[in-house]
Protein backbone atom coordinates (compact mmCIF):
# COMPACT_ATOMS: atom_id res chain seq x y z
CA MET A 1 -17.97 50.78 -13.27
CA GLY A 2 -15.54 51.03 -16.35
CA GLY A 3 -17.00 54.40 -17.51
CA LEU A 4 -16.89 55.98 -13.92
CA PRO A 5 -14.08 58.06 -12.42
CA GLY A 6 -11.36 56.14 -10.69
CA TRP A 7 -12.22 57.33 -7.20
CA VAL A 8 -15.96 56.21 -7.39
CA PRO A 9 -15.38 52.42 -6.76
CA ASP A 10 -13.06 53.40 -3.84
CA ALA A 11 -15.83 55.71 -2.48
CA VAL A 12 -18.43 52.88 -2.76
CA VAL A 13 -16.19 50.49 -0.91
CA ALA A 14 -15.61 53.19 1.88
CA VAL A 15 -19.34 53.75 2.35
CA ILE A 16 -20.29 50.13 2.31
CA SER A 17 -17.43 49.07 4.75
CA GLY A 18 -18.13 51.90 7.16
CA VAL A 19 -21.95 51.08 7.17
CA ILE A 20 -21.27 47.34 7.84
CA LEU A 21 -18.73 48.00 10.59
CA VAL A 22 -21.10 50.49 12.35
CA VAL A 23 -24.29 48.51 12.06
CA VAL A 24 -22.77 45.01 12.85
CA SER A 25 -20.67 46.36 15.77
CA ALA A 26 -23.70 48.15 17.25
CA HIS A 27 -25.50 44.84 17.61
CA VAL A 28 -22.46 43.03 19.20
CA PRO A 29 -23.56 42.21 22.81
CA VAL A 30 -21.35 43.76 25.66
CA THR A 31 -20.16 41.27 28.16
CA SER A 32 -18.34 41.90 31.44
CA GLY A 33 -15.04 43.40 31.17
CA VAL A 34 -15.96 44.95 27.85
CA ARG A 35 -16.56 48.45 27.14
CA ALA A 36 -19.56 49.44 25.04
CA LEU A 37 -18.90 51.44 21.93
CA ASP A 38 -18.80 55.16 22.60
CA PRO A 39 -18.58 58.08 20.14
CA LEU A 40 -14.92 57.47 19.84
CA GLY A 41 -15.39 53.85 18.90
CA TYR A 42 -17.94 54.73 16.19
CA ALA A 43 -15.55 57.25 14.81
CA LEU A 44 -12.79 54.85 14.63
CA LEU A 45 -15.17 52.36 12.83
CA VAL A 46 -16.10 54.98 10.27
CA ALA A 47 -12.52 55.93 9.75
CA THR A 48 -11.58 52.25 9.34
CA GLY A 49 -14.35 51.99 6.75
CA VAL A 50 -12.70 54.94 4.85
CA SER A 51 -9.36 53.28 5.14
CA MET A 52 -10.99 50.24 3.27
CA GLY A 53 -11.65 52.58 0.36
CA VAL A 54 -8.13 53.74 -0.03
CA CYS A 55 -6.18 50.44 0.83
CA ARG A 56 -6.06 49.53 -2.95
CA ARG A 57 -4.37 52.85 -3.68
CA LEU A 58 -2.33 53.43 -0.41
CA PRO A 59 -2.00 50.01 1.10
CA ARG A 60 0.84 51.11 3.45
CA PHE A 61 -1.12 54.05 4.84
CA ALA A 62 -4.31 51.82 5.24
CA LEU A 63 -2.41 49.21 7.12
CA ALA A 64 -0.64 51.76 9.53
CA PHE A 65 -4.05 53.27 10.17
CA VAL A 66 -5.90 49.98 10.75
CA THR A 67 -3.21 48.85 13.11
CA ALA A 68 -3.63 52.11 15.15
CA VAL A 69 -7.36 51.45 15.28
CA LEU A 70 -7.11 47.83 16.30
CA ALA A 71 -4.61 48.62 19.01
CA ALA A 72 -7.03 51.43 20.23
CA PHE A 73 -9.88 48.62 20.28
CA VAL A 74 -7.55 46.46 22.47
CA LEU A 75 -6.49 49.35 24.72
CA ARG A 76 -10.15 50.60 25.23
CA HIS A 77 -11.56 46.99 25.80
CA TYR A 78 -14.05 47.48 22.96
CA PRO A 79 -16.22 44.41 21.99
CA ASN A 80 -14.88 42.20 19.34
CA SER A 81 -16.51 43.13 16.09
CA PRO A 82 -15.91 42.92 12.26
CA VAL A 83 -13.30 45.66 12.59
CA TRP A 84 -10.69 42.77 13.12
CA VAL A 85 -11.26 41.54 9.61
CA THR A 86 -9.94 45.02 8.30
CA GLY A 87 -6.59 44.16 9.58
CA TRP A 88 -6.41 41.01 7.66
CA VAL A 89 -7.80 42.54 4.59
CA THR A 90 -5.31 45.45 4.60
CA LEU A 91 -2.48 43.19 5.11
CA THR A 92 -3.52 40.97 2.26
CA VAL A 93 -3.82 43.90 -0.10
CA LEU A 94 -0.38 45.22 1.00
CA ALA A 95 1.13 41.78 0.11
CA TRP A 96 -0.76 41.75 -3.14
CA LYS A 97 0.01 45.21 -4.38
CA THR A 98 3.69 45.53 -3.16
CA ASN A 99 6.22 42.73 -2.60
CA ARG A 100 7.01 40.04 -0.19
CA ARG A 101 9.50 42.07 1.86
CA THR A 102 7.07 44.98 2.29
CA ALA A 103 4.22 42.45 3.22
CA ILE A 104 6.65 40.87 5.95
CA VAL A 105 7.41 44.33 7.29
CA GLY A 106 3.85 45.34 7.46
CA ALA A 107 3.01 41.91 9.17
CA ALA A 108 5.84 42.77 11.73
CA VAL A 109 4.40 46.12 12.33
CA LEU A 110 0.78 44.76 12.78
CA LEU A 111 1.84 42.04 14.99
CA GLY A 112 4.14 44.11 17.00
CA GLY A 113 1.42 46.84 17.45
CA LEU A 114 -1.27 44.61 18.63
CA SER A 115 0.97 42.64 20.91
CA ALA A 116 2.26 45.77 22.51
CA ALA A 117 -1.46 46.96 22.91
CA ALA A 118 -2.39 43.66 24.36
CA ALA A 119 0.43 43.79 26.83
CA ALA A 120 -0.46 47.32 27.84
CA ALA A 121 -4.18 46.47 28.28
CA GLY A 122 -3.13 43.72 30.79
CA SER A 123 -3.28 40.63 28.72
CA SER A 124 -0.78 37.88 29.72
CA GLY A 125 0.44 34.78 27.97
CA VAL A 126 1.19 34.03 24.40
CA LEU A 127 -2.44 33.35 23.15
CA GLU A 128 -3.14 36.58 21.68
CA PRO A 129 0.14 37.21 19.95
CA ALA A 130 -0.05 33.68 18.63
CA ILE A 131 -3.39 34.54 16.98
CA TYR A 132 -2.10 37.69 15.57
CA LEU A 133 0.95 35.80 14.17
CA GLY A 134 -1.21 33.12 12.69
CA TRP A 135 -3.60 35.42 10.65
CA SER A 136 -0.87 37.78 9.85
CA ALA A 137 1.08 34.85 8.27
CA ALA A 138 -2.24 33.83 6.47
CA ALA A 139 -2.71 37.37 5.10
CA VAL A 140 0.87 37.56 3.76
CA LEU A 141 0.65 34.16 2.04
CA LEU A 142 -2.57 34.94 0.44
CA GLY A 143 -1.45 38.24 -0.75
CA ASP A 144 1.76 36.47 -2.15
CA VAL A 145 -0.37 34.03 -4.07
CA LEU A 146 -2.57 36.78 -5.44
CA ARG A 147 0.57 38.78 -6.46
CA ASN A 148 2.13 35.63 -8.26
CA ARG A 149 -1.18 34.96 -9.94
CA ARG A 150 -1.29 38.55 -11.28
CA GLY A 151 2.28 38.21 -12.52
CA TYR A 152 1.52 35.02 -14.21
CA LEU A 153 -1.55 36.36 -15.84
CA ALA A 154 0.54 39.44 -17.00
CA GLY A 155 3.23 37.06 -18.36
CA GLN A 156 0.62 35.10 -20.31
CA ALA A 157 -0.79 38.28 -21.73
CA GLU A 158 2.66 39.56 -22.80
CA ARG A 159 3.40 36.01 -24.45
CA ALA A 160 0.09 36.24 -26.13
CA ARG A 161 0.87 39.77 -27.60
CA PHE A 162 4.40 38.45 -28.64
CA ALA A 163 2.83 35.47 -30.40
CA GLU A 164 0.33 37.77 -32.14
CA ARG A 165 3.16 40.05 -33.19
CA SER A 166 5.30 37.02 -34.37
CA ARG A 167 2.21 35.76 -36.43
CA GLU A 168 1.85 39.05 -37.97
CA ASP A 169 5.54 39.31 -38.88
CA GLU A 170 5.47 35.85 -40.35
CA ALA A 171 2.56 36.60 -42.26
CA ALA A 172 4.11 39.80 -43.57
CA ARG A 173 7.25 37.96 -44.41
CA ARG A 174 5.35 35.18 -46.45
CA VAL A 175 3.58 38.00 -48.20
CA ALA A 176 6.92 39.56 -49.11
CA GLU A 177 8.33 36.20 -50.18
CA GLU A 178 5.31 35.46 -52.42
CA ARG A 179 5.61 38.87 -53.98
CA LEU A 180 9.13 38.26 -54.78
CA ARG A 181 8.39 34.85 -56.26
CA ILE A 182 5.72 36.36 -58.43
CA ALA A 183 7.99 39.10 -59.55
CA ARG A 184 10.72 36.50 -60.47
CA ASP A 185 8.11 34.34 -62.37
CA LEU A 186 6.78 37.35 -64.29
CA HIS A 187 10.40 38.50 -65.12
CA ASP A 188 11.47 34.97 -66.32
CA SER A 189 8.22 34.32 -68.32
CA VAL A 190 7.82 37.77 -70.02
CA ALA A 191 11.57 38.20 -70.67
CA HIS A 192 11.86 34.74 -72.27
CA ALA A 193 8.88 35.33 -74.45
CA MET A 194 9.75 38.85 -75.37
CA ALA A 195 13.23 37.78 -76.31
CA THR A 196 11.84 34.89 -78.38
CA ILE A 197 9.42 37.24 -80.09
CA ASN A 198 12.01 39.66 -80.70
CA VAL A 199 14.50 37.33 -82.60
CA GLN A 200 11.66 35.69 -84.47
CA ALA A 201 10.25 38.69 -85.71
CA GLY A 202 13.57 39.99 -86.80
CA ALA A 203 14.20 36.69 -88.64
CA ALA A 204 10.75 36.98 -90.19
CA ALA A 205 11.31 40.55 -91.55
CA HIS A 206 14.67 39.57 -92.90
CA VAL A 207 13.52 36.49 -94.98
CA LEU A 208 9.89 37.70 -95.77
CA ASP A 209 10.59 38.48 -99.35
CA ARG A 210 13.04 35.79 -100.21
CA HIS A 211 11.80 32.90 -98.20
CA PRO A 212 8.12 33.37 -97.09
CA GLU A 213 7.99 29.79 -95.81
CA ALA A 214 10.86 30.40 -93.19
CA ALA A 215 8.95 33.77 -92.26
CA GLY A 216 5.85 31.54 -91.66
CA ALA A 217 7.68 29.23 -89.35
CA ALA A 218 9.09 32.26 -87.37
CA LEU A 219 5.53 33.75 -87.06
CA VAL A 220 4.24 30.37 -85.78
CA ALA A 221 7.00 30.60 -83.17
CA ILE A 222 5.88 34.19 -82.24
CA GLN A 223 2.33 32.98 -81.86
CA ARG A 224 3.35 30.18 -79.67
CA ALA A 225 5.63 32.09 -77.44
CA SER A 226 3.07 34.87 -76.93
CA GLY A 227 0.25 32.47 -76.31
CA GLU A 228 2.33 30.64 -73.76
CA VAL A 229 3.23 33.63 -71.77
CA LEU A 230 -0.34 34.85 -71.89
CA ASP A 231 -1.49 31.60 -70.46
CA GLU A 232 0.92 31.96 -67.65
CA LEU A 233 0.00 35.45 -66.96
CA ASN A 234 -3.64 34.60 -66.85
CA ALA A 235 -3.02 31.56 -64.56
CA MET A 236 -1.06 33.85 -62.14
CA LEU A 237 -3.64 36.62 -62.21
CA SER A 238 -6.37 33.94 -61.37
CA LEU A 239 -4.51 32.91 -58.34
CA LEU A 240 -3.95 36.44 -57.23
CA ARG A 241 -7.58 37.37 -57.65
CA ASP A 242 -9.11 34.22 -55.89
CA ASP A 243 -7.20 32.61 -53.18
CA THR A 244 -10.01 29.94 -52.50
CA GLN A 245 -9.60 28.27 -55.70
CA ARG A 246 -6.72 26.77 -57.66
CA ALA A 247 -6.08 27.93 -61.16
CA GLU A 248 -6.80 25.46 -63.79
CA ARG A 249 -3.34 25.82 -65.05
CA ALA A 250 -0.42 25.88 -62.69
CA PRO A 251 1.83 29.05 -63.16
CA THR A 252 4.93 27.19 -62.06
CA PRO A 253 6.16 24.69 -64.57
CA GLY A 254 8.96 22.20 -64.07
CA LEU A 255 11.54 19.94 -65.48
CA ASP A 256 8.99 17.95 -67.51
CA GLN A 257 8.31 21.20 -69.64
CA LEU A 258 12.01 21.65 -70.73
CA ALA A 259 11.58 20.13 -74.07
CA ARG A 260 8.75 22.43 -74.89
CA LEU A 261 10.70 25.33 -73.63
CA ALA A 262 13.57 24.32 -75.84
CA ASP A 263 11.55 24.00 -78.94
CA GLY A 264 9.94 27.39 -78.41
CA SER A 265 13.12 29.14 -77.47
CA GLY A 266 14.02 30.39 -81.01
CA LEU A 267 17.50 28.70 -80.68
CA ASP A 268 18.95 25.50 -81.65
CA VAL A 269 18.96 23.78 -78.24
CA GLU A 270 20.79 20.41 -77.55
CA LEU A 271 18.82 19.11 -74.59
CA THR A 272 20.24 16.28 -72.57
CA VAL A 273 18.58 14.89 -69.56
CA TYR A 274 20.06 12.07 -67.32
CA GLY A 275 18.22 10.43 -64.51
CA PRO A 276 14.76 10.38 -63.09
CA THR A 277 13.79 14.02 -63.12
CA GLN A 278 10.18 13.11 -62.02
CA THR A 279 11.44 12.44 -58.42
CA VAL A 280 12.86 15.84 -58.23
CA PRO A 281 10.85 18.10 -55.57
CA ALA A 282 8.58 20.42 -57.16
CA VAL A 283 10.09 23.38 -55.69
CA VAL A 284 13.47 22.53 -57.14
CA SER A 285 11.96 21.44 -60.34
CA THR A 286 10.43 24.96 -60.78
CA ALA A 287 13.60 26.71 -59.92
CA ALA A 288 15.47 24.64 -62.48
CA TYR A 289 13.14 25.37 -65.19
CA ARG A 290 13.39 29.03 -64.48
CA VAL A 291 17.08 28.90 -64.50
CA VAL A 292 17.19 27.25 -68.01
CA GLN A 293 14.42 29.72 -69.14
CA GLU A 294 16.36 32.73 -67.98
CA SER A 295 19.58 31.39 -69.38
CA LEU A 296 18.12 30.70 -72.88
CA THR A 297 16.62 34.36 -72.78
CA ASN A 298 20.13 35.65 -72.04
CA VAL A 299 21.57 33.68 -75.02
CA LEU A 300 18.95 35.35 -77.35
CA ARG A 301 19.66 38.76 -75.95
CA HIS A 302 23.45 39.01 -75.56
CA SER A 303 25.02 36.09 -77.62
CA GLN A 304 25.84 35.95 -81.38
CA SER A 305 25.29 32.12 -81.09
CA THR A 306 22.09 30.58 -82.28
CA LYS A 307 22.97 27.27 -80.42
CA ALA A 308 22.74 26.42 -76.73
CA ARG A 309 23.64 23.34 -74.87
CA VAL A 310 21.30 22.38 -71.87
CA ARG A 311 22.48 19.46 -69.55
CA VAL A 312 20.21 18.17 -66.73
CA ALA A 313 21.42 15.43 -64.53
CA ALA A 314 19.20 13.97 -61.68
CA GLY A 315 20.69 11.53 -59.34
CA ALA A 316 19.11 8.60 -57.55
CA ASP A 317 18.51 10.67 -54.52
CA ALA A 318 15.41 13.06 -55.15
CA ASP A 319 17.42 15.97 -53.83
CA ASP A 320 20.38 15.64 -56.27
CA LEU A 321 20.06 17.73 -59.40
CA LEU A 322 22.62 19.51 -61.74
CA ILE A 323 21.65 22.08 -64.48
CA GLU A 324 24.15 23.54 -66.91
CA VAL A 325 23.20 25.91 -69.71
CA ALA A 326 25.90 27.02 -72.06
CA ASP A 327 26.39 28.78 -75.52
CA ALA A 328 29.50 29.12 -77.68
CA GLY A 329 29.39 32.96 -77.88
CA PRO A 330 30.71 35.42 -78.54
CA ALA A 331 28.67 38.33 -77.16
CA ARG A 332 26.80 40.48 -79.57
CA PRO A 333 28.46 43.83 -79.92
CA ASP A 334 25.13 45.63 -80.34
CA ALA A 335 23.52 43.93 -77.39
CA ALA A 336 22.15 46.20 -74.71
CA PRO A 337 24.06 45.95 -71.38
CA GLY A 338 22.22 43.93 -68.85
CA THR A 339 20.77 44.92 -65.61
CA GLY A 340 22.00 41.95 -63.60
CA VAL A 341 18.37 41.23 -62.47
CA GLY A 342 18.21 37.92 -64.30
CA ILE A 343 21.62 36.62 -62.89
CA ARG A 344 20.70 37.85 -59.41
CA GLY A 345 17.26 36.36 -59.68
CA MET A 346 18.55 33.09 -60.68
CA ARG A 347 21.14 33.08 -57.74
CA GLU A 348 18.41 33.90 -55.31
CA ARG A 349 16.14 31.27 -56.64
CA VAL A 350 18.69 28.46 -56.51
CA GLY A 351 19.88 29.58 -53.08
CA ALA A 352 16.41 29.75 -51.64
CA THR A 353 15.87 26.11 -52.65
CA GLY A 354 19.18 24.93 -51.15
CA GLY A 355 21.45 24.93 -54.23
CA THR A 356 24.64 26.75 -55.44
CA PHE A 357 24.72 28.83 -58.37
CA HIS A 358 27.53 30.09 -60.57
CA ALA A 359 27.42 31.96 -63.90
CA GLY A 360 30.20 33.33 -66.01
CA PRO A 361 32.20 33.38 -69.35
CA THR A 362 33.91 30.36 -70.56
CA PRO A 363 37.51 30.32 -72.09
CA ASP A 364 36.34 29.82 -75.65
CA GLY A 365 34.19 33.13 -75.36
CA GLY A 366 30.93 31.70 -74.48
CA PHE A 367 28.91 31.86 -71.22
CA LEU A 368 27.95 29.06 -68.72
CA VAL A 369 25.21 28.87 -66.22
CA HIS A 370 25.72 26.14 -63.51
CA ALA A 371 23.18 25.39 -60.85
CA ASP A 372 23.87 22.44 -58.38
CA TRP A 373 21.39 20.86 -55.99
CA THR A 374 23.62 17.87 -55.27
CA GLY A 375 23.49 17.09 -51.48
CA ARG A 376 20.77 19.72 -50.93
CA ARG A 377 19.51 20.11 -47.45
CA PRO A 378 15.90 21.05 -46.83
């Protein structure tokens, strides 16, 4: 009935209830001391059937009406019939649709009305009131159970919706973090390669006529730098295009590739490594590599020095790592002012992996980058 108007199910219930009440009650045998159903009795049965159709929407009205009908049946000594079930049904619906306090008040009204009618009809003793009290209490308890069940299901549905929203938010957060990671990797890789190519191309142009062999070495360095960044970009694009397969070449290098990075940087790099770097967690190893890469790029861009010192110290604990990159300076007077993206990216990358970061000029005019994962907490 999902596509029908809302009143149609209520009308169907009213018609079916009225027919059942009239048909079944008409076949109830009339015993001594009992009045046979008359037109008023049948009218009350039909009206009670209508009240069954509206009790879902108007439970208070339905209970009040059914109480009056049942009291009339008691006062007029009509035979027992299914009409008594309607009192229990309406009280149950009232307890289900409203609250416990309203249900108790409704039960008191029903119990009081029927007990008063029984007393007025000449009934003595406590049997009938006790019966009324028993099934009134049963109706209230059943309605209370149904209401609690409805609340429980509503709570479950709300928790499910909240969990779904949380999963969507978590997925969006992971996508944003992955985009940021890719942006950082692209910045680090491309910036380093372009800086190396720029320096080596300038050197090749300067010595091309007088020292062709030196120009050849510079061109080899340019070829190697451009090839490495193209390999890395291809690997990264492969991962972005197909998330069901791993790229053949990982786009996130680590500490084991620092020597290769130093050789292709276009600088005279003094690389010193202490301790077992192979035990450093992969995420920290990648972050450390990127810090060294970006630091060497900044030396190429902004410093007059052609030398850099890189110190890597790994402790016995896999979480202990120290990175320092320094140059003797001074800054190039013709260097374009930096945007701060590189320094900020290094700080964010180190902080995201549990380390501390510092970068700034040294007293002798150089520049020092310091990243420390000593005592890192996951």
